[in-house]
Every structure is written in C-alpha cells, then in structure tokens.
Amino acid sequence: MMNWIILIVAGLCEVGFTYCLGRAKSAEGLPWWGWMAGFLMFTVISMGLLAKASQNLPIGTAYAVWTGIGAVGTVLTGIFFFHEPATFWRLFFIFTLITSIIGLKTVS
C-alpha cells in the first residue's frame, strides 16, 4: 500500500512541475527563476518517488498511473488556474483516463 501512496505523491509532484512551468511561461526576471527552481524541485522529487515506487510495483503499471495522475492533474490545473476550456470531450476523456488508472490499480 505504501508504494501506491508514494506513486500518487509522485504523480502530484508531476502536476506541481507542470504548474510551475505554466507560471514561468508568463514570468520574467527573478520570478521566472523562482518558478523554474520549483519546476526542477518538483521534477526531481517526482522522478525519485516514481523510481522508489517502481521497485515494488510493475514498471508498466507504475509509469501508466504516474503519467495518468500527471495528465489528469495537469488538465484540471489548466482549467482551474490557467482558464483553459472545460469542454465536454476534454472532461469525457479525463473521466476515461481516471477509470483506466483505477482499473490498473485494481488488477495490479
């Protein structure tokens, strides 16, 4: 169970580094460096936790769940923080991705 928690935190850190990248896109000077430092920090933590979780989980499942959490979280971050469109089809495919992640957890 602990490996799944580590993997979920790794996926959330992936969302963190994409959020920092999105904020850095509109920043300049010192704030840009701050957002990029956050990006690098979250990237290192995310990759390290993914490596740790994949020691005891199947790598295919771990990677798919990690990228799935990152993809879902990044789309939702885009909608809530960067005012990206929340169309029916975007939400439909996010739902199918969440269902797939739950399915992988169930069979692993």
Protein backbone atom coordinates (compact mmCIF):
# COMPACT_ATOMS: atom_id res chain seq x y z
CA MET A 1 0.00 0.00 0.00
CA MET A 2 2.84 2.40 0.82
CA ASN A 3 4.18 2.08 -2.74
CA TRP A 4 0.84 3.27 -4.10
CA ILE A 5 0.91 6.28 -1.79
CA ILE A 6 4.45 7.08 -2.95
CA LEU A 7 3.29 6.75 -6.56
CA ILE A 8 0.33 9.07 -6.00
CA VAL A 9 2.60 11.69 -4.39
CA ALA A 10 4.98 11.31 -7.37
CA GLY A 11 2.05 11.98 -9.73
CA LEU A 12 1.01 15.03 -7.73
CA CYS A 13 4.60 16.32 -7.92
CA GLU A 14 4.32 15.93 -11.69
CA VAL A 15 1.30 18.23 -11.54
CA GLY A 16 3.41 20.58 -9.42
CA PHE A 17 6.15 20.82 -12.02
CA THR A 18 3.69 21.47 -14.83
CA TYR A 19 2.02 24.20 -12.73
CA CYS A 20 5.42 25.85 -12.18
CA LEU A 21 6.15 25.58 -15.89
CA GLY A 22 2.82 27.24 -16.68
CA ARG A 23 3.54 30.09 -14.26
CA ALA A 24 7.08 30.52 -15.60
CA LYS A 25 5.64 30.98 -19.08
CA SER A 26 4.30 34.42 -18.14
CA ALA A 27 7.06 35.46 -15.72
CA GLU A 28 10.26 37.38 -16.29
CA GLY A 29 13.42 38.05 -14.33
CA LEU A 30 13.67 36.80 -10.75
CA PRO A 31 10.10 35.36 -10.63
CA TRP A 32 10.93 33.27 -13.72
CA TRP A 33 13.94 31.81 -11.90
CA GLY A 34 11.75 31.05 -8.88
CA TRP A 35 9.19 29.18 -10.95
CA MET A 36 11.96 27.30 -12.75
CA ALA A 37 13.51 26.35 -9.40
CA GLY A 38 10.11 24.99 -8.35
CA PHE A 39 9.88 23.14 -11.66
CA LEU A 40 13.27 21.50 -11.10
CA MET A 41 12.50 20.65 -7.47
CA PHE A 42 9.16 19.02 -8.30
CA THR A 43 10.72 17.18 -11.27
CA VAL A 44 13.50 15.65 -9.15
CA ILE A 45 11.08 14.67 -6.36
CA SER A 46 8.58 13.23 -8.83
CA MET A 47 11.17 11.14 -10.67
CA GLY A 48 12.76 9.95 -7.42
CA LEU A 49 9.43 8.86 -5.98
CA LEU A 50 8.50 7.14 -9.25
CA ALA A 51 11.80 5.23 -9.13
CA LYS A 52 11.15 4.26 -5.50
CA ALA A 53 7.59 3.09 -6.17
CA SER A 54 8.63 1.11 -9.24
CA GLN A 55 10.99 -1.00 -7.13
CA ASN A 56 7.95 -2.91 -5.85
CA LEU A 57 5.26 -2.21 -8.46
CA PRO A 58 5.28 -3.36 -12.09
CA ILE A 59 7.06 -0.63 -14.06
CA GLY A 60 4.38 -0.56 -16.77
CA THR A 61 1.63 -0.04 -14.21
CA ALA A 62 3.64 2.46 -12.16
CA TYR A 63 4.54 4.56 -15.18
CA ALA A 64 1.00 4.48 -16.58
CA VAL A 65 -0.52 5.53 -13.25
CA TRP A 66 2.14 8.23 -12.75
CA THR A 67 1.57 9.74 -16.19
CA GLY A 68 -2.21 9.37 -15.78
CA ILE A 69 -2.21 11.28 -12.50
CA GLY A 70 0.01 13.90 -14.10
CA ALA A 71 -2.18 14.17 -17.19
CA VAL A 72 -5.44 14.44 -15.26
CA GLY A 73 -3.95 16.85 -12.75
CA THR A 74 -2.38 18.99 -15.44
CA VAL A 75 -5.61 19.29 -17.42
CA LEU A 76 -7.54 20.18 -14.27
CA THR A 77 -4.83 22.67 -13.28
CA GLY A 78 -5.11 24.21 -16.73
CA ILE A 79 -8.88 24.52 -16.36
CA PHE A 80 -8.87 25.91 -12.81
CA PHE A 81 -5.73 28.07 -12.79
CA PHE A 82 -4.97 28.92 -16.43
CA HIS A 83 -8.58 29.30 -17.65
CA GLU A 84 -8.31 26.62 -20.35
CA PRO A 85 -11.62 25.41 -21.81
CA ALA A 86 -13.58 22.69 -19.99
CA THR A 87 -15.34 21.19 -22.99
CA PHE A 88 -17.48 18.07 -22.86
CA TRP A 89 -14.91 15.99 -24.76
CA ARG A 90 -11.98 17.08 -22.58
CA LEU A 91 -13.89 16.14 -19.44
CA PHE A 92 -15.13 12.89 -21.02
CA PHE A 93 -11.60 11.75 -21.84
CA ILE A 94 -10.31 12.81 -18.42
CA PHE A 95 -13.03 10.61 -16.91
CA THR A 96 -11.98 7.66 -19.09
CA LEU A 97 -8.35 8.20 -18.06
CA ILE A 98 -9.31 8.18 -14.37
CA THR A 99 -11.29 4.99 -14.94
CA SER A 100 -8.25 3.41 -16.60
CA ILE A 101 -5.99 4.38 -13.70
CA ILE A 102 -8.42 2.82 -11.22
CA GLY A 103 -8.58 -0.29 -13.43
CA LEU A 104 -4.77 -0.62 -13.42
CA LYS A 105 -4.68 -0.26 -9.64
CA THR A 106 -7.38 -2.90 -9.30
CA VAL A 107 -5.60 -5.53 -11.43
CA SER A 108 -2.07 -4.88 -10.10
